[in-house]
Amino acid sequence: MLDIHSHFLPKMDDGSKSTEMSMEMLRESRRQGVTTMVSTSHFYGDSEPPERFLMRRQHAYEKLLPLLSDSEPEILLGAEVFYYPGISHSDSVPQLSIQGTDLILIEMPFIPWSDRIFDELISMQYNTGLQIVLAHVERYQSIQKKAVFESLFDQPFYFQCNASVFSSFRSRHLAMRMIKNGQLHFLGTDCHNTDKRSPDMKNAKAIVEKKLSPAAWKKLTREFEERFDRHRISY
């Protein structure tokens, strides 16, 4: 099983605070059936150059290396890139894609969106050749006008929901509709720690199996993995 959105690298952002916490997050994820885990530490282009972010990320990853074994999920490095004006013209953006793929996770601004934002993201996707994955789509529903939010699904992007999307009625309704329409392209835990925002893929699994069926969960997660694999880059 794939977890495409997580914050387990130690002391990179508001996620894991120590190598010990990072390892427990990885081990708990593996216990829940996660076999590939993408680290997507927050990146804010207006406060840090990509080069510094990548250096910090590598340093944090190297702290974990001596502790890793075959018992943990495969680790891929990426970033949760917060949208900023001018992102389509940044030569450094491709460096923030998910390791070994042409996928990049973008966090949308928590303000009403304009056509200009969509236009810039489309330009970025065209200019870089990367496939944009919009992070935790369910979080934007209450911020946008209904017509604007619905227009999101007309865009040429992939959409990721957090595993917690199934925990409340409103967001679960959105997720089920996205599944029905083939619009839920990836799932991630967005885990940050071992407490209030711990890995919770098991809860999503339980709810989908109850509301749909065990076969539906297996089909869904297989589709996530196959879609991800199609975007792996062969050298």
C-alpha atoms as a PDB file:
ATOM      1  CA  MET A   1       0.000   0.000   0.000  1.00  0.00           C
ATOM      2  CA  LEU A   2       1.150   3.529  -0.829  1.00  0.00           C
ATOM      3  CA  ASP A   3       1.154   6.563   1.483  1.00  0.00           C
ATOM      4  CA  ILE A   4       1.935   9.512  -0.781  1.00  0.00           C
ATOM      5  CA  HIS A   5       1.734  12.271   1.853  1.00  0.00           C
ATOM      6  CA  SER A   6       3.531  12.190   5.216  1.00  0.00           C
ATOM      7  CA  HIS A   7       5.781  14.231   7.488  1.00  0.00           C
ATOM      8  CA  PHE A   8       8.011  11.683   9.176  1.00  0.00           C
ATOM      9  CA  LEU A   9      11.483  13.105   8.560  1.00  0.00           C
ATOM     10  CA  PRO A  10      12.851  14.313  11.911  1.00  0.00           C
ATOM     11  CA  LYS A  11      12.853  18.054  12.622  1.00  0.00           C
ATOM     12  CA  MET A  12      12.093  19.088   9.050  1.00  0.00           C
ATOM     13  CA  ASP A  13       8.822  20.908   9.716  1.00  0.00           C
ATOM     14  CA  ASP A  14       5.854  20.570  12.085  1.00  0.00           C
ATOM     15  CA  GLY A  15       6.079  16.795  11.722  1.00  0.00           C
ATOM     16  CA  SER A  16       8.296  14.312  13.561  1.00  0.00           C
ATOM     17  CA  LYS A  17      10.356  15.830  16.367  1.00  0.00           C
ATOM     18  CA  SER A  18      12.977  13.095  16.667  1.00  0.00           C
ATOM     19  CA  THR A  19      14.484  10.071  14.944  1.00  0.00           C
ATOM     20  CA  GLU A  20      12.729   7.872  17.511  1.00  0.00           C
ATOM     21  CA  MET A  21       9.349   9.334  16.589  1.00  0.00           C
ATOM     22  CA  SER A  22      10.168   8.980  12.892  1.00  0.00           C
ATOM     23  CA  MET A  23      10.980   5.292  13.267  1.00  0.00           C
ATOM     24  CA  GLU A  24       7.803   4.632  15.237  1.00  0.00           C
ATOM     25  CA  MET A  25       5.771   6.365  12.507  1.00  0.00           C
ATOM     26  CA  LEU A  26       7.428   4.198   9.866  1.00  0.00           C
ATOM     27  CA  ARG A  27       6.927   1.006  11.853  1.00  0.00           C
ATOM     28  CA  GLU A  28       3.299   1.804  12.615  1.00  0.00           C
ATOM     29  CA  SER A  29       2.689   2.545   8.945  1.00  0.00           C
ATOM     30  CA  ARG A  30       4.179  -0.824   8.028  1.00  0.00           C
ATOM     31  CA  ARG A  31       1.978  -2.551  10.604  1.00  0.00           C
ATOM     32  CA  GLN A  32      -0.995  -0.995   8.845  1.00  0.00           C
ATOM     33  CA  GLY A  33       0.088  -2.375   5.491  1.00  0.00           C
ATOM     34  CA  VAL A  34       1.973   0.595   3.999  1.00  0.00           C
ATOM     35  CA  THR A  35       4.834  -0.643   1.808  1.00  0.00           C
ATOM     36  CA  THR A  36       5.883   2.675   0.196  1.00  0.00           C
ATOM     37  CA  MET A  37       5.945   5.951   2.120  1.00  0.00           C
ATOM     38  CA  VAL A  38       6.670   9.330   0.565  1.00  0.00           C
ATOM     39  CA  SER A  39       8.170  11.999   2.792  1.00  0.00           C
ATOM     40  CA  THR A  40       6.546  15.316   1.871  1.00  0.00           C
ATOM     41  CA  SER A  41       7.983  17.903   4.231  1.00  0.00           C
ATOM     42  CA  HIS A  42       6.554  21.395   3.851  1.00  0.00           C
ATOM     43  CA  PHE A  43       8.297  23.672   1.375  1.00  0.00           C
ATOM     44  CA  TYR A  44       7.529  27.388   1.288  1.00  0.00           C
ATOM     45  CA  GLY A  45       9.179  29.132  -1.632  1.00  0.00           C
ATOM     46  CA  ASP A  46       8.837  32.585  -0.095  1.00  0.00           C
ATOM     47  CA  SER A  47      10.882  31.696   2.978  1.00  0.00           C
ATOM     48  CA  GLU A  48      13.526  29.178   1.883  1.00  0.00           C
ATOM     49  CA  PRO A  49      15.435  28.491  -1.338  1.00  0.00           C
ATOM     50  CA  PRO A  50      15.014  24.949  -2.700  1.00  0.00           C
ATOM     51  CA  GLU A  51      18.726  24.262  -2.334  1.00  0.00           C
ATOM     52  CA  ARG A  52      18.604  24.810   1.418  1.00  0.00           C
ATOM     53  CA  PHE A  53      15.442  22.722   1.745  1.00  0.00           C
ATOM     54  CA  LEU A  54      17.018  19.836  -0.155  1.00  0.00           C
ATOM     55  CA  MET A  55      20.140  20.019   1.996  1.00  0.00           C
ATOM     56  CA  ARG A  56      18.071  19.914   5.202  1.00  0.00           C
ATOM     57  CA  ARG A  57      15.985  17.056   3.820  1.00  0.00           C
ATOM     58  CA  GLN A  58      19.037  14.979   2.973  1.00  0.00           C
ATOM     59  CA  HIS A  59      20.522  15.608   6.410  1.00  0.00           C
ATOM     60  CA  ALA A  60      17.286  14.518   8.108  1.00  0.00           C
ATOM     61  CA  TYR A  61      17.092  11.398   5.945  1.00  0.00           C
ATOM     62  CA  GLU A  62      20.679  10.453   6.719  1.00  0.00           C
ATOM     63  CA  LYS A  63      19.849  10.495  10.423  1.00  0.00           C
ATOM     64  CA  LEU A  64      17.400   7.669   9.787  1.00  0.00           C
ATOM     65  CA  LEU A  65      19.580   5.575   7.512  1.00  0.00           C
ATOM     66  CA  PRO A  66      21.486   3.688  10.266  1.00  0.00           C
ATOM     67  CA  LEU A  67      18.162   2.725  11.873  1.00  0.00           C
ATOM     68  CA  LEU A  68      16.350   1.476   8.776  1.00  0.00           C
ATOM     69  CA  SER A  69      15.855  -2.181   7.927  1.00  0.00           C
ATOM     70  CA  ASP A  70      13.764  -4.245   5.538  1.00  0.00           C
ATOM     71  CA  SER A  71      10.961  -4.091   8.103  1.00  0.00           C
ATOM     72  CA  GLU A  72      10.117  -0.476   7.268  1.00  0.00           C
ATOM     73  CA  PRO A  73       8.323   0.781   4.144  1.00  0.00           C
ATOM     74  CA  GLU A  74      10.261   1.880   1.079  1.00  0.00           C
ATOM     75  CA  ILE A  75      11.080   5.565   1.598  1.00  0.00           C
ATOM     76  CA  LEU A  76      10.873   8.108  -1.196  1.00  0.00           C
ATOM     77  CA  LEU A  77      11.746  11.766  -0.695  1.00  0.00           C
ATOM     78  CA  GLY A  78       9.507  14.562  -1.905  1.00  0.00           C
ATOM     79  CA  ALA A  79       7.963  17.786  -0.674  1.00  0.00           C
ATOM     80  CA  GLU A  80       4.587  19.371  -0.024  1.00  0.00           C
ATOM     81  CA  VAL A  81       5.100  22.512  -2.073  1.00  0.00           C
ATOM     82  CA  PHE A  82       2.906  25.434  -1.081  1.00  0.00           C
ATOM     83  CA  TYR A  83       1.627  27.328  -4.108  1.00  0.00           C
ATOM     84  CA  TYR A  84       3.120  30.776  -4.612  1.00  0.00           C
ATOM     85  CA  PRO A  85       2.793  33.339  -7.413  1.00  0.00           C
ATOM     86  CA  GLY A  86       5.484  32.748  -9.990  1.00  0.00           C
ATOM     87  CA  ILE A  87       5.819  29.030  -9.263  1.00  0.00           C
ATOM     88  CA  SER A  88       5.406  28.266 -12.970  1.00  0.00           C
ATOM     89  CA  HIS A  89       8.600  30.180 -13.726  1.00  0.00           C
ATOM     90  CA  SER A  90      10.786  28.580 -11.065  1.00  0.00           C
ATOM     91  CA  ASP A  91      13.622  26.504 -12.505  1.00  0.00           C
ATOM     92  CA  SER A  92      14.032  24.764  -9.152  1.00  0.00           C
ATOM     93  CA  VAL A  93      10.539  23.265  -8.920  1.00  0.00           C
ATOM     94  CA  PRO A  94      11.465  19.940 -10.616  1.00  0.00           C
ATOM     95  CA  GLN A  95      13.966  19.284  -7.807  1.00  0.00           C
ATOM     96  CA  LEU A  96      10.987  19.071  -5.421  1.00  0.00           C
ATOM     97  CA  SER A  97       9.216  16.266  -7.278  1.00  0.00           C
ATOM     98  CA  ILE A  98       8.748  12.901  -5.624  1.00  0.00           C
ATOM     99  CA  GLN A  99      11.961  10.901  -5.871  1.00  0.00           C
ATOM    100  CA  GLY A 100      12.156   8.762  -8.986  1.00  0.00           C
ATOM    101  CA  THR A 101       8.890  10.075 -10.437  1.00  0.00           C
ATOM    102  CA  ASP A 102       7.482  12.998 -12.385  1.00  0.00           C
ATOM    103  CA  LEU A 103       4.886  13.683  -9.654  1.00  0.00           C
ATOM    104  CA  ILE A 104       4.899  16.796  -7.480  1.00  0.00           C
ATOM    105  CA  LEU A 105       2.639  17.405  -4.463  1.00  0.00           C
ATOM    106  CA  ILE A 106       1.183  20.927  -4.349  1.00  0.00           C
ATOM    107  CA  GLU A 107      -0.656  22.464  -1.406  1.00  0.00           C
ATOM    108  CA  MET A 108      -3.196  25.049  -2.489  1.00  0.00           C
ATOM    109  CA  PRO A 109      -3.583  28.399  -0.671  1.00  0.00           C
ATOM    110  CA  PHE A 110      -6.332  28.569   1.929  1.00  0.00           C
ATOM    111  CA  ILE A 111      -7.976  31.593   0.311  1.00  0.00           C
ATOM    112  CA  PRO A 112     -10.602  31.900  -2.429  1.00  0.00           C
ATOM    113  CA  TRP A 113      -8.975  30.813  -5.685  1.00  0.00           C
ATOM    114  CA  SER A 114      -8.842  32.862  -8.843  1.00  0.00           C
ATOM    115  CA  ASP A 115      -8.575  31.705 -12.449  1.00  0.00           C
ATOM    116  CA  ARG A 116      -5.014  33.030 -12.357  1.00  0.00           C
ATOM    117  CA  ILE A 117      -4.031  30.375  -9.784  1.00  0.00           C
ATOM    118  CA  PHE A 118      -5.343  27.569 -11.978  1.00  0.00           C
ATOM    119  CA  ASP A 119      -3.729  29.103 -15.056  1.00  0.00           C
ATOM    120  CA  GLU A 120      -0.354  29.276 -13.311  1.00  0.00           C
ATOM    121  CA  LEU A 121      -0.529  25.669 -12.149  1.00  0.00           C
ATOM    122  CA  ILE A 122      -1.435  24.516 -15.650  1.00  0.00           C
ATOM    123  CA  SER A 123       1.491  26.522 -17.009  1.00  0.00           C
ATOM    124  CA  MET A 124       3.770  24.961 -14.415  1.00  0.00           C
ATOM    125  CA  GLN A 125       2.655  21.460 -15.359  1.00  0.00           C
ATOM    126  CA  TYR A 126       3.173  22.223 -19.050  1.00  0.00           C
ATOM    127  CA  ASN A 127       6.534  23.954 -18.604  1.00  0.00           C
ATOM    128  CA  THR A 128       8.079  21.377 -16.286  1.00  0.00           C
ATOM    129  CA  GLY A 129       6.567  18.175 -17.653  1.00  0.00           C
ATOM    130  CA  LEU A 130       5.606  17.254 -14.083  1.00  0.00           C
ATOM    131  CA  GLN A 131       2.225  15.873 -13.085  1.00  0.00           C
ATOM    132  CA  ILE A 132       0.704  17.934 -10.287  1.00  0.00           C
ATOM    133  CA  VAL A 133      -0.924  16.139  -7.364  1.00  0.00           C
ATOM    134  CA  LEU A 134      -3.091  18.493  -5.304  1.00  0.00           C
ATOM    135  CA  ALA A 135      -2.773  17.738  -1.597  1.00  0.00           C
ATOM    136  CA  HIS A 136      -5.701  16.984   0.749  1.00  0.00           C
ATOM    137  CA  VAL A 137      -8.406  18.262  -1.614  1.00  0.00           C
ATOM    138  CA  GLU A 138     -11.104  17.842   1.020  1.00  0.00           C
ATOM    139  CA  ARG A 139      -9.686  20.715   3.082  1.00  0.00           C
ATOM    140  CA  TYR A 140     -10.533  23.276   0.417  1.00  0.00           C
ATOM    141  CA  GLN A 141     -14.225  22.483   0.117  1.00  0.00           C
ATOM    142  CA  SER A 142     -15.371  24.832   2.897  1.00  0.00           C
ATOM    143  CA  ILE A 143     -13.150  27.703   1.715  1.00  0.00           C
ATOM    144  CA  GLN A 144     -14.214  27.938  -1.914  1.00  0.00           C
ATOM    145  CA  LYS A 145     -17.496  28.825  -3.510  1.00  0.00           C
ATOM    146  CA  LYS A 146     -19.228  25.672  -4.665  1.00  0.00           C
ATOM    147  CA  ALA A 147     -18.807  26.448  -8.360  1.00  0.00           C
ATOM    148  CA  VAL A 148     -15.104  27.204  -7.920  1.00  0.00           C
ATOM    149  CA  PHE A 149     -14.501  24.029  -5.933  1.00  0.00           C
ATOM    150  CA  GLU A 150     -16.363  21.910  -8.463  1.00  0.00           C
ATOM    151  CA  SER A 151     -14.346  23.482 -11.290  1.00  0.00           C
ATOM    152  CA  LEU A 152     -11.255  22.055  -9.607  1.00  0.00           C
ATOM    153  CA  PHE A 153     -12.129  18.616 -10.960  1.00  0.00           C
ATOM    154  CA  ASP A 154     -12.062  19.923 -14.517  1.00  0.00           C
ATOM    155  CA  GLN A 155      -8.360  20.679 -14.146  1.00  0.00           C
ATOM    156  CA  PRO A 156      -5.662  18.306 -15.515  1.00  0.00           C
ATOM    157  CA  PHE A 157      -4.341  17.411 -12.080  1.00  0.00           C
ATOM    158  CA  TYR A 158      -4.331  14.400  -9.796  1.00  0.00           C
ATOM    159  CA  PHE A 159      -6.200  14.699  -6.507  1.00  0.00           C
ATOM    160  CA  GLN A 160      -5.045  13.358  -3.146  1.00  0.00           C
ATOM    161  CA  CYS A 161      -7.190  13.011  -0.057  1.00  0.00           C
ATOM    162  CA  ASN A 162      -6.042  12.307   3.476  1.00  0.00           C
ATOM    163  CA  ALA A 163      -7.015   9.012   5.052  1.00  0.00           C
ATOM    164  CA  SER A 164      -9.027  11.030   7.598  1.00  0.00           C
ATOM    165  CA  VAL A 165     -11.363  12.128   4.793  1.00  0.00           C
ATOM    166  CA  PHE A 166     -13.564   9.159   5.648  1.00  0.00           C
ATOM    167  CA  SER A 167     -13.966  10.132   9.300  1.00  0.00           C
ATOM    168  CA  SER A 168     -16.640  12.852   8.963  1.00  0.00           C
ATOM    169  CA  PHE A 169     -19.910  12.723   7.044  1.00  0.00           C
ATOM    170  CA  ARG A 170     -19.295  15.741   4.805  1.00  0.00           C
ATOM    171  CA  SER A 171     -15.785  14.855   3.730  1.00  0.00           C
ATOM    172  CA  ARG A 172     -16.669  11.151   3.441  1.00  0.00           C
ATOM    173  CA  HIS A 173     -19.473  12.071   1.036  1.00  0.00           C
ATOM    174  CA  LEU A 174     -16.954  13.987  -1.080  1.00  0.00           C
ATOM    175  CA  ALA A 175     -14.478  11.090  -1.037  1.00  0.00           C
ATOM    176  CA  MET A 176     -17.114   8.536  -2.001  1.00  0.00           C
ATOM    177  CA  ARG A 177     -18.218  10.750  -4.876  1.00  0.00           C
ATOM    178  CA  MET A 178     -14.600  11.124  -6.001  1.00  0.00           C
ATOM    179  CA  ILE A 179     -14.159   7.350  -5.900  1.00  0.00           C
ATOM    180  CA  LYS A 180     -17.317   6.864  -7.961  1.00  0.00           C
ATOM    181  CA  ASN A 181     -16.155   9.431 -10.525  1.00  0.00           C
ATOM    182  CA  GLY A 182     -12.587   8.134 -10.678  1.00  0.00           C
ATOM    183  CA  GLN A 183     -11.269  11.403  -9.226  1.00  0.00           C
ATOM    184  CA  LEU A 184      -9.542  10.098  -6.107  1.00  0.00           C
ATOM    185  CA  HIS A 185      -6.104   9.410  -7.514  1.00  0.00           C
ATOM    186  CA  PHE A 186      -4.073   9.010  -4.318  1.00  0.00           C
ATOM    187  CA  LEU A 187      -4.505   8.617  -0.585  1.00  0.00           C
ATOM    188  CA  GLY A 188      -2.077   9.744   2.092  1.00  0.00           C
ATOM    189  CA  THR A 189      -2.127   9.848   5.860  1.00  0.00           C
ATOM    190  CA  ASP A 190      -0.533  13.318   6.186  1.00  0.00           C
ATOM    191  CA  CYS A 191       0.809  11.926   9.457  1.00  0.00           C
ATOM    192  CA  HIS A 192       2.876  14.325  11.565  1.00  0.00           C
ATOM    193  CA  ASN A 193       3.502  12.471  14.826  1.00  0.00           C
ATOM    194  CA  THR A 194       2.561   9.445  16.914  1.00  0.00           C
ATOM    195  CA  ASP A 195      -0.236  11.177  18.807  1.00  0.00           C
ATOM    196  CA  LYS A 196      -3.023  13.307  17.339  1.00  0.00           C
ATOM    197  CA  ARG A 197      -1.805  13.065  13.748  1.00  0.00           C
ATOM    198  CA  SER A 198      -0.449   9.551  13.683  1.00  0.00           C
ATOM    199  CA  PRO A 199      -0.519   7.158  10.700  1.00  0.00           C
ATOM    200  CA  ASP A 200      -4.170   6.182  10.250  1.00  0.00           C
ATOM    201  CA  MET A 201      -4.495   4.242   7.027  1.00  0.00           C
ATOM    202  CA  LYS A 202      -6.179   1.447   8.979  1.00  0.00           C
ATOM    203  CA  ASN A 203      -9.170   3.677   9.782  1.00  0.00           C
ATOM    204  CA  ALA A 204      -9.666   4.567   6.133  1.00  0.00           C
ATOM    205  CA  LYS A 205      -9.480   0.871   5.275  1.00  0.00           C
ATOM    206  CA  ALA A 206     -12.085  -0.029   7.903  1.00  0.00           C
ATOM    207  CA  ILE A 207     -14.546   2.627   6.755  1.00  0.00           C
ATOM    208  CA  VAL A 208     -14.220   1.890   3.028  1.00  0.00           C
ATOM    209  CA  GLU A 209     -14.604  -1.836   3.658  1.00  0.00           C
ATOM    210  CA  LYS A 210     -17.713  -1.140   5.750  1.00  0.00           C
ATOM    211  CA  LYS A 211     -19.317   1.388   3.397  1.00  0.00           C
ATOM    212  CA  LEU A 212     -18.315  -0.374   0.179  1.00  0.00           C
ATOM    213  CA  SER A 213     -16.535  -3.707   0.539  1.00  0.00           C
ATOM    214  CA  PRO A 214     -13.116  -5.256   1.235  1.00  0.00           C
ATOM    215  CA  ALA A 215     -12.794  -5.840  -2.498  1.00  0.00           C
ATOM    216  CA  ALA A 216     -13.414  -2.131  -3.154  1.00  0.00           C
ATOM    217  CA  TRP A 217     -10.577  -1.166  -0.798  1.00  0.00           C
ATOM    218  CA  LYS A 218      -8.191  -3.614  -2.454  1.00  0.00           C
ATOM    219  CA  LYS A 219      -9.139  -2.298  -5.900  1.00  0.00           C
ATOM    220  CA  LEU A 220      -8.718   1.311  -4.814  1.00  0.00           C
ATOM    221  CA  THR A 221      -5.298   0.869  -3.228  1.00  0.00           C
ATOM    222  CA  ARG A 222      -4.108  -1.254  -6.161  1.00  0.00           C
ATOM    223  CA  GLU A 223      -5.113   1.543  -8.522  1.00  0.00           C
ATOM    224  CA  PHE A 224      -3.163   4.070  -6.421  1.00  0.00           C
ATOM    225  CA  GLU A 225      -0.053   1.913  -6.592  1.00  0.00           C
ATOM    226  CA  GLU A 226      -0.374   1.209 -10.320  1.00  0.00           C
ATOM    227  CA  ARG A 227      -0.914   4.902 -11.072  1.00  0.00           C
ATOM    228  CA  PHE A 228       2.125   5.820  -8.998  1.00  0.00           C
ATOM    229  CA  ASP A 229       4.251   3.190 -10.730  1.00  0.00           C
ATOM    230  CA  ARG A 230       3.286   4.573 -14.134  1.00  0.00           C
ATOM    231  CA  HIS A 231       4.920   7.838 -13.124  1.00  0.00           C
ATOM    232  CA  ARG A 232       8.187   6.284 -11.979  1.00  0.00           C
ATOM    233  CA  ILE A 233      11.060   7.396 -14.187  1.00  0.00           C
ATOM    234  CA  SER A 234      13.372   4.817 -15.691  1.00  0.00           C
ATOM    235  CA  TYR A 235      16.973   5.845 -16.228  1.00  0.00           C
END
